[in-house]
Amino acid sequence: MLRKREARTPWRVRAFFVARRRRGDAGAVSGKAYLVGAGPGRPDLITVRGLRVLRRAEVVMYDRLVAKALVDEAPTAAERIDVGKAPGRHALPQDRINQILVERVRAGRRVVRLKGGDPFVLGRGGEEALALAGAGLPFEVVPGVSSAVAVPAYAGVPVTHRGVAHAFAVVTGHRSNGQEGPDWEAVARVPTLVVLMGMGRLPRICEELLRAGRAPDTPAMAVQHGTAERQRVVRATLATLPIRAQELGLGAPATVVVGEVVGLAQDLAWFRPGARRDETAAEQTEEAPGHAPSLPWRKAVPD
């Protein structure tokens, strides 16, 4: 079809098409990037679309907190690149991650950028998408289940609840390159506050909220390794949470929740990590060979 169209177009347009094919630039690229949200920690909380794409990946660039079981879902022949970041220690700087992403897609590869939670929620997915867009390369965003809502849910806390909290806010507790933190006075007025990447500054964060007028006895919690079998929960008040977390040795990665909804966990804390192992084994038995597949993600991904 392209050659017939070229035959009817002026020679300058034909020359453009020919040169583009020879260069292998963005207009002729067959590769594509998928910015995939891996979910909050549990491998089986990835979306159906995310798993479909991952199982067809030629390159997988994955974050530090992505479960190994998910990375293993990629084809055996797929190139695996660890681009994880720990506090104060990055496997690769963000500019280099962007560069690798662009290079692999430009080379015609199907690249899955596997990111914890959701790619566009405090995950720098927007920066990576801009790098791809700036290079004229195709990409797709596959949303994921954010830890901002999933981790509280696994700890028995709905971030909104009628008559208790009509809104919630999500902020980062991490600062980089001297950037200013959130407007704590504004944030303190939101009924439910979820803080991601905040354990390293937990005492300061609680102080800021108290200074902004939040009551010292406001229910608060910290959840380490949320949704995973290693999940640990500390419930306290805004004034006592830093001390309680320190006493119990809670560290990163953790999600902090502040608000009256935390009090609901007393009745709604449903997740029991030890018991969950038995349930998972039963689920795997149901999906074992000899049983009809019930999940649609085993089908091929449409182009």
Protein backbone atom coordinates (compact mmCIF):
# COMPACT_ATOMS: atom_id res chain seq x y z
CA MET A 1 0.00 0.00 0.00
CA LEU A 2 2.82 2.39 0.82
CA ARG A 3 4.55 1.92 -2.55
CA LYS A 4 1.31 2.56 -4.47
CA ARG A 5 0.76 5.75 -2.49
CA GLU A 6 4.35 6.85 -3.07
CA ALA A 7 3.94 6.40 -6.83
CA ARG A 8 1.17 9.03 -6.85
CA THR A 9 3.00 11.54 -4.63
CA PRO A 10 5.58 14.23 -5.55
CA TRP A 11 9.19 13.14 -5.64
CA ARG A 12 10.06 15.06 -2.44
CA VAL A 13 7.45 13.06 -0.49
CA ARG A 14 8.68 9.79 -2.01
CA ALA A 15 12.25 10.69 -1.05
CA PHE A 16 11.08 11.29 2.53
CA PHE A 17 9.53 7.82 2.80
CA VAL A 18 12.60 6.15 1.34
CA ALA A 19 14.98 8.04 3.63
CA ARG A 20 12.83 7.26 6.66
CA ARG A 21 12.95 3.52 5.96
CA ARG A 22 16.72 3.64 5.54
CA ARG A 23 17.28 5.61 8.75
CA GLY A 24 15.01 3.42 10.83
CA ASP A 25 13.83 6.56 12.68
CA ALA A 26 10.69 6.92 14.81
CA GLY A 27 8.36 6.84 11.82
CA ALA A 28 9.51 3.35 10.88
CA VAL A 29 10.01 1.93 14.36
CA SER A 30 8.31 -1.39 15.05
CA GLY A 31 9.08 -1.36 18.78
CA LYS A 32 6.85 -0.04 21.50
CA ALA A 33 7.10 0.78 25.20
CA TYR A 34 4.54 -0.27 27.79
CA LEU A 35 4.60 1.59 31.09
CA VAL A 36 3.00 -1.08 33.25
CA GLY A 37 1.83 -0.73 36.83
CA ALA A 38 2.88 -3.86 38.71
CA GLY A 39 0.56 -3.13 41.60
CA PRO A 40 1.24 -2.65 45.31
CA GLY A 41 3.38 -5.71 46.03
CA ARG A 42 1.42 -8.95 45.67
CA PRO A 43 2.20 -10.47 42.25
CA ASP A 44 -1.43 -11.41 41.62
CA LEU A 45 -2.61 -7.82 42.01
CA ILE A 46 -1.24 -6.84 38.61
CA THR A 47 -3.97 -6.09 36.06
CA VAL A 48 -5.01 -8.54 33.36
CA ARG A 49 -3.70 -6.19 30.67
CA GLY A 50 -0.41 -5.73 32.52
CA LEU A 51 0.22 -9.47 32.72
CA ARG A 52 -0.68 -9.98 29.06
CA VAL A 53 1.83 -7.36 27.97
CA LEU A 54 4.52 -8.65 30.34
CA ARG A 55 4.23 -12.17 28.93
CA ARG A 56 5.08 -10.85 25.46
CA ALA A 57 7.94 -8.58 26.49
CA GLU A 58 11.29 -8.63 24.72
CA VAL A 59 12.84 -6.29 27.31
CA VAL A 60 11.74 -5.84 30.93
CA MET A 61 12.97 -2.85 32.93
CA TYR A 62 11.79 -3.36 36.48
CA ASP A 63 11.76 -1.46 39.77
CA ARG A 64 13.27 -2.64 43.06
CA LEU A 65 9.95 -3.40 44.75
CA VAL A 66 8.46 -5.40 41.89
CA ALA A 67 7.98 -9.02 42.97
CA LYS A 68 10.43 -11.47 41.41
CA ALA A 69 7.49 -13.75 40.60
CA LEU A 70 6.18 -11.04 38.28
CA VAL A 71 9.52 -10.50 36.55
CA ASP A 72 9.62 -14.27 35.99
CA GLU A 73 6.37 -14.01 34.01
CA ALA A 74 8.33 -12.46 31.14
CA PRO A 75 9.57 -14.84 28.43
CA THR A 76 12.81 -16.62 29.28
CA ALA A 77 14.57 -14.97 26.35
CA ALA A 78 13.56 -11.45 27.38
CA GLU A 79 16.31 -9.07 28.41
CA ARG A 80 15.95 -8.11 32.08
CA ILE A 81 17.28 -4.79 33.34
CA ASP A 82 17.19 -3.88 37.03
CA VAL A 83 16.58 -0.14 37.31
CA GLY A 84 15.51 -0.18 40.95
CA LYS A 85 16.03 2.68 43.35
CA ALA A 86 16.57 2.50 47.10
CA PRO A 87 16.80 5.53 49.39
CA GLY A 88 20.14 7.15 48.60
CA ARG A 89 21.12 4.35 46.22
CA HIS A 90 20.01 4.11 42.61
CA ALA A 91 20.94 1.28 40.26
CA LEU A 92 20.69 3.80 37.44
CA PRO A 93 19.93 7.54 37.38
CA GLN A 94 16.58 8.52 35.88
CA ASP A 95 18.17 10.10 32.80
CA ARG A 96 19.91 6.81 32.03
CA ILE A 97 16.67 4.88 32.50
CA ASN A 98 14.98 7.19 30.01
CA GLN A 99 17.87 6.72 27.60
CA ILE A 100 17.75 2.91 27.76
CA LEU A 101 14.00 2.96 27.26
CA VAL A 102 14.32 5.10 24.15
CA GLU A 103 17.23 3.06 22.77
CA ARG A 104 15.48 -0.28 23.13
CA VAL A 105 12.23 0.91 21.56
CA ARG A 106 14.09 2.64 18.74
CA ALA A 107 15.84 -0.68 18.10
CA GLY A 108 12.45 -2.26 17.45
CA ARG A 109 12.02 -4.05 20.79
CA ARG A 110 8.81 -4.54 22.76
CA VAL A 111 9.77 -2.99 26.10
CA VAL A 112 7.86 -3.34 29.34
CA ARG A 113 8.76 -0.75 31.96
CA LEU A 114 7.46 -2.55 35.04
CA LYS A 115 6.82 -0.04 37.81
CA GLY A 116 5.55 -0.54 41.34
CA GLY A 117 1.98 0.60 41.98
CA ASP A 118 0.70 2.82 39.19
CA PRO A 119 3.12 4.35 36.67
CA PHE A 120 1.66 7.84 37.05
CA VAL A 121 1.31 7.95 40.86
CA LEU A 122 4.59 9.19 42.36
CA GLY A 123 6.46 6.83 40.07
CA ARG A 124 8.12 9.18 37.52
CA GLY A 125 6.20 7.45 34.77
CA GLY A 126 5.30 10.84 33.34
CA GLU A 127 8.99 11.64 32.85
CA GLU A 128 9.56 8.37 31.00
CA ALA A 129 6.49 8.93 28.85
CA LEU A 130 7.75 12.41 27.97
CA ALA A 131 11.12 10.98 26.97
CA LEU A 132 9.39 8.54 24.62
CA ALA A 133 7.04 11.19 23.25
CA GLY A 134 9.95 13.56 22.72
CA ALA A 135 11.73 10.88 20.69
CA GLY A 136 8.58 10.28 18.63
CA LEU A 137 8.28 6.70 19.86
CA PRO A 138 5.04 4.77 20.51
CA PHE A 139 4.06 3.89 24.06
CA GLU A 140 1.10 2.71 26.10
CA VAL A 141 0.32 3.31 29.75
CA VAL A 142 -1.11 0.29 31.57
CA PRO A 143 -2.49 1.59 34.88
CA GLY A 144 -1.79 -0.36 38.05
CA VAL A 145 -3.32 -0.74 41.49
CA SER A 146 -1.71 2.00 43.57
CA SER A 147 -0.40 1.24 47.03
CA ALA A 148 -2.06 4.48 48.11
CA VAL A 149 -5.41 2.68 48.18
CA ALA A 150 -4.45 -1.02 48.15
CA VAL A 151 -2.18 -1.00 51.21
CA PRO A 152 -4.74 0.73 53.46
CA ALA A 153 -7.36 -1.73 52.18
CA TYR A 154 -5.15 -4.70 53.11
CA ALA A 155 -4.79 -3.16 56.58
CA GLY A 156 -8.56 -2.82 56.94
CA VAL A 157 -8.78 0.90 56.16
CA PRO A 158 -11.06 2.37 53.50
CA VAL A 159 -9.55 5.72 52.55
CA THR A 160 -13.06 7.17 52.27
CA HIS A 161 -16.09 6.20 54.32
CA ARG A 162 -19.51 7.81 54.50
CA GLY A 163 -19.84 9.98 57.56
CA VAL A 164 -16.15 9.67 58.37
CA ALA A 165 -14.05 10.82 55.40
CA HIS A 166 -15.33 12.25 52.12
CA ALA A 167 -11.92 12.78 50.53
CA PHE A 168 -8.31 11.66 50.71
CA ALA A 169 -4.95 13.01 49.60
CA VAL A 170 -1.80 11.20 48.55
CA VAL A 171 1.58 12.84 49.08
CA THR A 172 5.20 11.79 48.99
CA GLY A 173 7.30 11.98 52.11
CA HIS A 174 10.48 11.85 50.04
CA ARG A 175 12.43 14.94 49.04
CA SER A 176 14.98 15.06 46.25
CA ASN A 177 17.36 17.72 44.99
CA GLY A 178 16.27 20.23 47.62
CA GLN A 179 12.66 20.28 46.45
CA GLU A 180 10.08 21.62 48.87
CA GLY A 181 7.67 19.20 50.49
CA PRO A 182 3.87 19.33 50.42
CA ASP A 183 1.85 22.25 51.72
CA TRP A 184 1.23 20.66 55.10
CA GLU A 185 -1.36 23.22 56.17
CA ALA A 186 -3.48 22.37 53.14
CA VAL A 187 -2.86 18.64 53.44
CA ALA A 188 -3.74 18.61 57.15
CA ARG A 189 -7.31 19.69 56.31
CA VAL A 190 -7.97 16.61 54.13
CA PRO A 191 -9.88 13.93 56.10
CA THR A 192 -7.59 11.05 55.10
CA LEU A 193 -3.92 11.48 54.32
CA VAL A 194 -1.81 8.76 52.69
CA VAL A 195 1.95 9.27 52.70
CA LEU A 196 4.14 7.19 50.40
CA MET A 197 7.91 6.91 50.79
CA GLY A 198 7.75 8.70 54.11
CA MET A 199 9.28 6.38 56.72
CA GLY A 200 12.66 8.06 56.60
CA ARG A 201 11.04 11.36 57.59
CA LEU A 202 8.15 10.06 59.70
CA PRO A 203 8.88 12.13 62.84
CA ARG A 204 9.18 15.31 60.77
CA ILE A 205 5.99 14.54 58.82
CA CYS A 206 3.99 14.02 62.01
CA GLU A 207 5.44 17.21 63.47
CA GLU A 208 4.42 19.17 60.38
CA LEU A 209 0.84 17.86 60.57
CA LEU A 210 0.60 18.67 64.28
CA ARG A 211 1.97 22.14 63.67
CA ALA A 212 -0.61 22.59 60.90
CA GLY A 213 -3.42 21.93 63.38
CA ARG A 214 -4.11 18.19 63.13
CA ALA A 215 -5.18 16.79 66.50
CA PRO A 216 -2.52 14.75 68.34
CA ASP A 217 -5.00 11.94 69.00
CA THR A 218 -5.88 11.50 65.30
CA PRO A 219 -5.70 7.76 64.48
CA ALA A 220 -2.64 6.91 62.39
CA MET A 221 -0.93 3.80 61.08
CA ALA A 222 2.15 2.64 59.23
CA VAL A 223 2.07 -0.48 57.05
CA GLN A 224 5.33 -2.10 55.99
CA HIS A 225 5.43 -4.43 52.97
CA GLY A 226 1.74 -3.81 52.39
CA THR A 227 -0.29 -6.58 50.64
CA ALA A 228 2.67 -9.00 50.84
CA GLU A 229 3.11 -12.00 53.11
CA ARG A 230 5.57 -9.92 55.16
CA GLN A 231 3.01 -7.19 55.87
CA ARG A 232 3.36 -5.56 59.28
CA VAL A 233 1.03 -2.95 60.73
CA VAL A 234 1.43 -0.42 63.52
CA ARG A 235 -1.63 1.49 64.71
CA ALA A 236 -1.21 4.49 66.97
CA THR A 237 -2.03 8.20 67.00
CA LEU A 238 -0.45 11.00 65.04
CA ALA A 239 1.54 12.02 68.13
CA THR A 240 2.76 8.52 68.99
CA LEU A 241 3.21 6.86 65.59
CA PRO A 242 6.94 7.67 65.15
CA ILE A 243 7.77 6.20 68.57
CA ARG A 244 5.64 3.08 68.05
CA ALA A 245 7.11 2.47 64.59
CA GLN A 246 10.62 2.79 65.97
CA GLU A 247 9.89 0.46 68.90
CA LEU A 248 8.65 -2.25 66.54
CA GLY A 249 11.45 -1.72 64.04
CA LEU A 250 9.19 -0.73 61.16
CA GLY A 251 11.05 0.63 58.15
CA ALA A 252 10.74 1.14 54.43
CA PRO A 253 8.93 0.35 52.27
CA ALA A 254 5.88 1.50 54.18
CA THR A 255 2.68 3.44 53.70
CA VAL A 256 1.46 5.89 56.33
CA VAL A 257 -2.23 6.63 56.80
CA VAL A 258 -3.60 9.43 58.97
CA GLY A 259 -7.29 10.03 59.66
CA GLU A 260 -10.36 8.82 61.49
CA VAL A 261 -10.78 5.97 58.98
CA VAL A 262 -7.80 4.26 60.59
CA GLY A 263 -10.07 3.48 63.53
CA LEU A 264 -12.15 1.23 61.27
CA ALA A 265 -9.25 -1.22 61.05
CA GLN A 266 -10.23 -2.56 64.46
CA ASP A 267 -13.22 -4.23 62.76
CA LEU A 268 -12.11 -4.41 59.13
CA ALA A 269 -8.56 -5.80 59.32
CA TRP A 270 -9.21 -8.90 57.22
CA PHE A 271 -5.76 -9.81 55.88
CA ARG A 272 -3.86 -12.54 57.72
CA PRO A 273 -0.52 -13.16 55.93
CA GLY A 274 -0.03 -16.69 57.29
CA ALA A 275 -3.56 -17.79 56.42
CA ARG A 276 -3.21 -16.30 52.96
CA ARG A 277 -0.52 -18.85 52.03
CA ASP A 278 -3.03 -21.67 52.35
CA GLU A 279 -5.59 -19.79 50.25
CA THR A 280 -2.98 -19.11 47.56
CA ALA A 281 -2.07 -22.80 47.40
CA ALA A 282 -5.74 -23.69 46.96
CA GLU A 283 -6.11 -21.14 44.16
CA GLN A 284 -3.06 -22.54 42.36
CA THR A 285 -4.51 -26.04 42.61
CA GLU A 286 -7.69 -24.83 40.93
CA GLU A 287 -5.61 -23.46 38.04
CA ALA A 288 -3.39 -26.54 37.72
CA PRO A 289 -3.17 -28.54 34.46
CA GLY A 290 -6.35 -30.48 33.88
CA HIS A 291 -8.55 -27.59 34.89
CA ALA A 292 -10.13 -25.29 32.36
CA PRO A 293 -8.35 -21.89 32.31
CA SER A 294 -10.61 -19.23 33.77
CA LEU A 295 -8.48 -16.15 33.24
CA PRO A 296 -8.52 -14.17 29.98
CA TRP A 297 -4.92 -12.90 30.32
CA ARG A 298 -3.51 -16.06 28.75
CA LYS A 299 -4.73 -14.87 25.37
CA ALA A 300 -2.39 -13.00 23.08
CA VAL A 301 -2.19 -9.23 23.35
CA PRO A 302 -3.72 -7.43 20.38
CA ASP A 303 -1.35 -5.17 18.48
